[in-house]
Amino acid sequence: MSDKESSEAQSPKREQPEGAVEDSAVATQPSETKADSQEEDANSKARQRQERFKALQARAKKKSAAERNLKETAAETQRLATDPSLVSSLSRKHAFASHNLLKADTEASGEDFERKRAWDWTVDESEKWDKRMDKKQRHRDDVAFQDYTQDARKVYKRQLREMQPNLEGYEREKMAAIEKAAANGDLEIVETNDGEMIAVDKNGSFYSTADSVGFTENKPDRAAVDKLVSDLRKAEEVRLKKRKDRRGDDDADVTYINEKNKQFNQKLSRFYNKYTTEIRDSFERGTMI
């Protein structure tokens, strides 16, 4: 061992000064700062993963909504493209074909078709159907013009079907009139043996007769007047429409020489106008080659 090493081993160990201890404490702070930064990095990564997950969820919802909207749009397009008249026509044809097939099979087996078909209906349904068919046939027979009396009768029956009486208002006005007449002494309320209350007209002025003119004092409400005006206007429009249909379109071009030729031209127009429209328009523009 050298002299230098032996001297160092024999010399007593010196104590570190107070400032050196503080320097060592400061030296441990970077390790704590490093741990805090790692924790912040872990938190930020967790937030990023959560944000990405939320973004994926929003994208999935948006995709599902877009697919649902696409399906609904396709269904709406198909529904609009389907002609209702064509669907009803196919339904009628299917029912007619089913009826004929059932009739053929029944007749081939030697059974009565009408009797077999009647098994599906009750007696009440059959009677209601017969009444409906009879009423429909009478209505068909009654469509043609016979005379003005029958025409007025049909108008009157149609107005009766469309009329909607106000029964509550009628009962209210009736009770008010009875109470007023009873207060004036024109009516006497009598109770019968059965407990029924009846009104007895003393001087014969309450109930209307052929000579009564009390209805002239009645003043209808605004709704009744408006309904009457609308009915009159509707009747006038129907009359003008029928008159125009009989006379024809006055603004149309005259392409006939008599009534028979007019009917023939109208028949041609119904069948061939859709094919000759472009040609006639070209003639009118003067661009026909």
Protein backbone atom coordinates (compact mmCIF):
# COMPACT_ATOMS: atom_id res chain seq x y z
CA MET A 1 0.00 0.00 0.00
CA SER A 2 1.41 3.42 -0.87
CA ASP A 3 2.10 6.15 1.61
CA LYS A 4 -0.67 8.28 0.20
CA GLU A 5 -3.29 5.57 0.57
CA SER A 6 -2.19 4.76 4.09
CA SER A 7 -2.35 8.36 5.09
CA GLU A 8 -5.87 8.68 3.76
CA ALA A 9 -6.99 5.58 5.63
CA GLN A 10 -5.46 6.75 8.89
CA SER A 11 -6.86 10.29 8.68
CA PRO A 12 -10.28 10.76 10.36
CA LYS A 13 -13.40 11.17 8.17
CA ARG A 14 -14.44 14.78 7.79
CA GLU A 15 -18.08 15.84 8.26
CA GLN A 16 -19.86 17.34 5.28
CA PRO A 17 -20.87 20.95 5.59
CA GLU A 18 -24.54 22.04 5.89
CA GLY A 19 -24.66 23.40 2.34
CA ALA A 20 -23.70 20.06 0.91
CA VAL A 21 -26.74 18.45 2.57
CA GLU A 22 -29.03 20.96 0.95
CA ASP A 23 -27.43 20.28 -2.44
CA SER A 24 -28.20 16.58 -2.05
CA ALA A 25 -31.86 17.37 -1.20
CA VAL A 26 -32.14 19.49 -4.26
CA ALA A 27 -30.70 16.66 -6.29
CA THR A 28 -33.68 14.40 -5.31
CA GLN A 29 -36.28 16.86 -6.73
CA PRO A 30 -35.78 15.94 -10.43
CA SER A 31 -36.85 12.38 -9.67
CA GLU A 32 -40.13 13.65 -8.16
CA THR A 33 -40.71 15.97 -11.12
CA LYS A 34 -40.15 13.05 -13.47
CA ALA A 35 -42.81 11.00 -11.62
CA ASP A 36 -45.33 13.87 -11.87
CA SER A 37 -44.68 14.24 -15.59
CA GLN A 38 -45.23 10.51 -16.11
CA GLU A 39 -48.52 10.72 -14.26
CA GLU A 40 -49.63 13.68 -16.40
CA ASP A 41 -48.65 11.77 -19.55
CA ALA A 42 -50.74 8.81 -18.40
CA ASN A 43 -53.73 11.07 -17.71
CA SER A 44 -53.41 12.77 -21.08
CA LYS A 45 -53.23 9.41 -22.84
CA ALA A 46 -56.35 8.28 -20.97
CA ARG A 47 -58.18 11.44 -22.02
CA GLN A 48 -57.09 10.94 -25.61
CA ARG A 49 -58.34 7.34 -25.57
CA GLN A 50 -61.65 8.50 -24.11
CA GLU A 51 -61.98 11.21 -26.76
CA ARG A 52 -61.20 8.71 -29.53
CA PHE A 53 -63.79 6.31 -28.09
CA LYS A 54 -66.42 9.09 -28.01
CA ALA A 55 -65.53 10.02 -31.60
CA LEU A 56 -65.93 6.39 -32.67
CA GLN A 57 -69.32 6.21 -30.93
CA ALA A 58 -70.49 9.42 -32.64
CA ARG A 59 -69.27 8.10 -35.99
CA ALA A 60 -71.14 4.81 -35.47
CA LYS A 61 -74.35 6.66 -34.53
CA LYS A 62 -73.99 8.92 -37.56
CA LYS A 63 -73.43 5.91 -39.82
CA SER A 64 -76.48 4.08 -38.44
CA ALA A 65 -78.60 7.23 -38.82
CA ALA A 66 -77.39 7.64 -42.41
CA GLU A 67 -78.23 4.00 -43.20
CA ARG A 68 -81.68 4.38 -41.64
CA ASN A 69 -82.32 7.58 -43.61
CA LEU A 70 -81.19 5.84 -46.79
CA LYS A 71 -83.57 2.95 -46.19
CA GLU A 72 -86.47 5.32 -45.45
CA THR A 73 -85.67 7.34 -48.58
CA ALA A 74 -85.63 4.20 -50.71
CA ALA A 75 -88.93 3.06 -49.22
CA GLU A 76 -90.48 6.48 -49.83
CA THR A 77 -89.20 6.51 -53.42
CA GLN A 78 -90.66 3.06 -54.03
CA ARG A 79 -93.96 4.11 -52.47
CA LEU A 80 -94.12 7.23 -54.65
CA ALA A 81 -93.16 5.26 -57.74
CA THR A 82 -95.97 2.80 -57.17
CA ASP A 83 -99.13 3.93 -58.94
CA PRO A 84 -102.18 3.56 -56.63
CA SER A 85 -104.45 3.01 -59.59
CA LEU A 86 -102.18 0.22 -60.81
CA VAL A 87 -102.23 -1.42 -57.37
CA SER A 88 -106.03 -1.24 -57.21
CA SER A 89 -106.26 -2.61 -60.76
CA LEU A 90 -104.03 -5.55 -59.85
CA SER A 91 -106.12 -6.17 -56.74
CA ARG A 92 -109.31 -6.25 -58.81
CA LYS A 93 -107.73 -8.59 -61.34
CA HIS A 94 -106.52 -10.87 -58.56
CA ALA A 95 -109.98 -10.97 -56.97
CA PHE A 96 -111.60 -11.63 -60.36
CA ALA A 97 -109.15 -14.45 -61.13
CA SER A 98 -109.67 -16.01 -57.69
CA HIS A 99 -113.43 -15.83 -58.19
CA ASN A 100 -113.24 -17.53 -61.59
CA LEU A 101 -110.85 -20.20 -60.29
CA LEU A 102 -113.12 -21.01 -57.35
CA LYS A 103 -116.13 -21.11 -59.65
CA ALA A 104 -114.40 -23.46 -62.08
CA ASP A 105 -113.26 -25.81 -59.31
CA THR A 106 -116.73 -25.85 -57.75
CA GLU A 107 -118.47 -26.58 -61.04
CA ALA A 108 -115.90 -29.27 -61.84
CA SER A 109 -116.69 -31.01 -58.55
CA GLY A 110 -120.43 -30.85 -59.31
CA GLU A 111 -121.36 -28.44 -56.48
CA ASP A 112 -123.46 -25.29 -56.50
CA PHE A 113 -121.13 -22.30 -56.65
CA GLU A 114 -123.57 -19.71 -55.28
CA ARG A 115 -124.54 -21.99 -52.41
CA LYS A 116 -120.91 -22.67 -51.53
CA ARG A 117 -119.99 -19.01 -51.69
CA ALA A 118 -122.92 -18.14 -49.42
CA TRP A 119 -121.39 -20.23 -46.64
CA ASP A 120 -118.93 -17.41 -45.95
CA TRP A 121 -121.73 -14.94 -45.07
CA THR A 122 -124.40 -14.79 -42.42
CA VAL A 123 -128.09 -14.25 -43.14
CA ASP A 124 -127.92 -10.62 -41.93
CA GLU A 125 -124.92 -9.88 -44.13
CA SER A 126 -126.65 -11.45 -47.13
CA GLU A 127 -129.82 -9.40 -46.60
CA LYS A 128 -127.84 -6.19 -46.16
CA TRP A 129 -125.91 -6.94 -49.34
CA ASP A 130 -129.11 -7.58 -51.29
CA LYS A 131 -130.62 -4.31 -50.05
CA ARG A 132 -127.46 -2.48 -50.99
CA MET A 133 -127.46 -3.93 -54.48
CA ASP A 134 -131.14 -3.08 -54.96
CA LYS A 135 -130.54 0.48 -53.80
CA LYS A 136 -127.56 0.79 -56.10
CA GLN A 137 -129.56 -0.49 -59.06
CA ARG A 138 -132.40 1.97 -58.33
CA HIS A 139 -129.88 4.77 -58.13
CA ARG A 140 -128.43 3.77 -61.52
CA ASP A 141 -131.88 3.72 -63.05
CA ASP A 142 -132.66 7.11 -61.52
CA VAL A 143 -129.57 8.90 -62.85
CA ALA A 144 -130.97 9.76 -66.26
CA PHE A 145 -133.05 12.90 -66.63
CA GLN A 146 -136.78 12.16 -66.64
CA ASP A 147 -138.52 15.44 -65.92
CA TYR A 148 -137.98 18.53 -63.80
CA THR A 149 -140.08 17.14 -60.96
CA GLN A 150 -137.84 14.09 -60.60
CA ASP A 151 -134.75 16.28 -60.92
CA ALA A 152 -136.01 18.54 -58.11
CA ARG A 153 -136.76 15.45 -56.01
CA LYS A 154 -133.18 14.21 -56.41
CA VAL A 155 -131.80 17.61 -55.43
CA TYR A 156 -134.10 17.68 -52.40
CA LYS A 157 -132.99 14.20 -51.28
CA ARG A 158 -129.34 15.14 -51.70
CA GLN A 159 -129.86 18.25 -49.59
CA LEU A 160 -131.57 16.16 -46.91
CA ARG A 161 -128.59 13.79 -46.81
CA GLU A 162 -126.20 16.70 -46.43
CA MET A 163 -128.29 18.50 -43.81
CA GLN A 164 -127.01 18.33 -40.24
CA PRO A 165 -129.67 19.68 -37.85
CA ASN A 166 -128.65 21.20 -34.54
CA LEU A 167 -130.82 19.16 -32.17
CA GLU A 168 -129.36 20.71 -29.04
CA GLY A 169 -130.16 24.20 -30.25
CA TYR A 170 -133.66 23.09 -31.23
CA GLU A 171 -134.37 21.65 -27.78
CA ARG A 172 -132.97 24.76 -26.13
CA GLU A 173 -135.15 27.11 -28.19
CA LYS A 174 -138.15 24.84 -27.66
CA MET A 175 -137.81 24.91 -23.87
CA ALA A 176 -137.31 28.69 -23.92
CA ALA A 177 -140.49 29.13 -25.98
CA ILE A 178 -142.48 26.85 -23.66
CA GLU A 179 -141.27 28.69 -20.57
CA LYS A 180 -142.10 32.07 -22.14
CA ALA A 181 -145.59 30.91 -23.17
CA ALA A 182 -146.21 29.43 -19.72
CA ALA A 183 -145.14 32.71 -18.09
CA ASN A 184 -147.52 34.70 -20.35
CA GLY A 185 -150.40 32.34 -19.58
CA ASP A 186 -150.72 30.93 -23.10
CA LEU A 187 -149.74 27.42 -21.94
CA GLU A 188 -150.79 25.38 -18.98
CA ILE A 189 -148.53 22.59 -17.72
CA VAL A 190 -150.67 19.61 -16.70
CA GLU A 191 -149.47 16.37 -15.13
CA THR A 192 -151.22 13.21 -16.27
CA ASN A 193 -151.98 10.14 -14.19
CA ASP A 194 -148.84 8.48 -15.52
CA GLY A 195 -146.70 11.34 -14.20
CA GLU A 196 -146.06 12.80 -17.66
CA MET A 197 -145.97 16.59 -18.01
CA ILE A 198 -147.85 17.97 -21.02
CA ALA A 199 -148.45 21.51 -22.22
CA VAL A 200 -152.04 22.53 -23.00
CA ASP A 201 -152.58 25.41 -25.42
CA LYS A 202 -155.28 27.62 -23.87
CA ASN A 203 -156.09 30.09 -26.64
CA GLY A 204 -154.67 28.18 -29.59
CA SER A 205 -151.86 30.66 -30.27
CA PHE A 206 -148.83 28.61 -29.27
CA TYR A 207 -148.90 25.74 -31.76
CA SER A 208 -148.60 26.68 -35.42
CA THR A 209 -151.49 26.22 -37.83
CA ALA A 210 -152.06 26.98 -41.46
CA ASP A 211 -152.97 30.56 -40.56
CA SER A 212 -149.96 31.15 -38.28
CA VAL A 213 -147.43 33.80 -39.30
CA GLY A 214 -145.19 33.65 -36.24
CA PHE A 215 -142.36 32.09 -38.22
CA THR A 216 -141.76 35.47 -39.89
CA GLU A 217 -140.37 36.77 -36.61
CA ASN A 218 -137.69 34.09 -36.49
CA LYS A 219 -134.16 35.39 -37.13
CA PRO A 220 -131.65 32.71 -38.16
CA ASP A 221 -128.09 32.80 -36.89
CA ARG A 222 -125.04 33.68 -38.94
CA ALA A 223 -123.98 30.07 -39.53
CA ALA A 224 -127.36 29.15 -41.05
CA VAL A 225 -127.22 32.16 -43.40
CA ASP A 226 -123.69 31.28 -44.51
CA LYS A 227 -124.75 27.68 -45.17
CA LEU A 228 -127.68 28.85 -47.29
CA VAL A 229 -125.42 31.14 -49.31
CA SER A 230 -122.86 28.37 -49.87
CA ASP A 231 -125.62 25.98 -51.04
CA LEU A 232 -126.92 28.55 -53.50
CA ARG A 233 -123.43 29.19 -54.85
CA LYS A 234 -122.77 25.47 -55.20
CA ALA A 235 -126.03 24.97 -57.10
CA GLU A 236 -125.15 27.88 -59.38
CA GLU A 237 -121.70 26.42 -60.09
CA VAL A 238 -123.22 23.03 -60.93
CA ARG A 239 -125.73 24.67 -63.25
CA LEU A 240 -123.04 26.66 -65.07
CA LYS A 241 -120.82 23.59 -65.36
CA LYS A 242 -123.61 21.53 -66.92
CA ARG A 243 -124.41 24.38 -69.26
CA LYS A 244 -120.75 24.63 -70.30
CA ASP A 245 -120.54 20.88 -70.83
CA ARG A 246 -123.56 21.00 -73.10
CA ARG A 247 -122.25 23.94 -75.11
CA GLY A 248 -118.63 22.83 -75.16
CA ASP A 249 -115.49 24.92 -74.76
CA ASP A 250 -116.02 28.31 -76.42
CA ASP A 251 -112.29 29.11 -76.43
CA ALA A 252 -111.30 25.97 -78.34
CA ASP A 253 -110.53 25.97 -82.06
CA VAL A 254 -113.43 25.19 -84.36
CA THR A 255 -112.39 22.04 -86.22
CA TYR A 256 -115.82 20.75 -87.20
CA ILE A 257 -118.60 21.60 -89.62
CA ASN A 258 -121.52 20.08 -87.72
CA GLU A 259 -122.36 18.29 -84.48
CA LYS A 260 -121.66 14.83 -85.87
CA ASN A 261 -118.24 15.91 -87.11
CA LYS A 262 -117.55 17.50 -83.71
CA GLN A 263 -118.22 14.23 -81.93
CA PHE A 264 -115.98 12.36 -84.37
CA ASN A 265 -113.13 14.86 -83.82
CA GLN A 266 -113.51 14.57 -80.06
CA LYS A 267 -113.22 10.80 -80.32
CA LEU A 268 -110.07 11.15 -82.41
CA SER A 269 -108.62 13.58 -79.87
CA ARG A 270 -109.20 11.17 -77.00
CA PHE A 271 -107.24 8.43 -78.73
CA TYR A 272 -104.51 10.25 -80.70
CA ASN A 273 -103.83 13.58 -78.99
CA LYS A 274 -101.00 12.12 -76.93
CA TYR A 275 -99.22 11.13 -80.17
CA THR A 276 -99.87 14.25 -82.24
CA THR A 277 -99.29 16.97 -79.64
CA GLU A 278 -95.68 17.59 -80.64
CA ILE A 279 -96.54 17.72 -84.36
CA ARG A 280 -99.37 20.21 -83.82
CA ASP A 281 -97.15 22.39 -81.63
CA SER A 282 -94.47 22.37 -84.35
CA PHE A 283 -97.07 23.44 -86.92
CA GLU A 284 -98.16 26.32 -84.72
CA ARG A 285 -94.55 27.47 -84.17
CA GLY A 286 -93.75 27.12 -87.84
CA THR A 287 -90.80 24.82 -87.20
CA MET A 288 -92.24 21.71 -88.80
CA ILE A 289 -89.92 20.20 -91.40
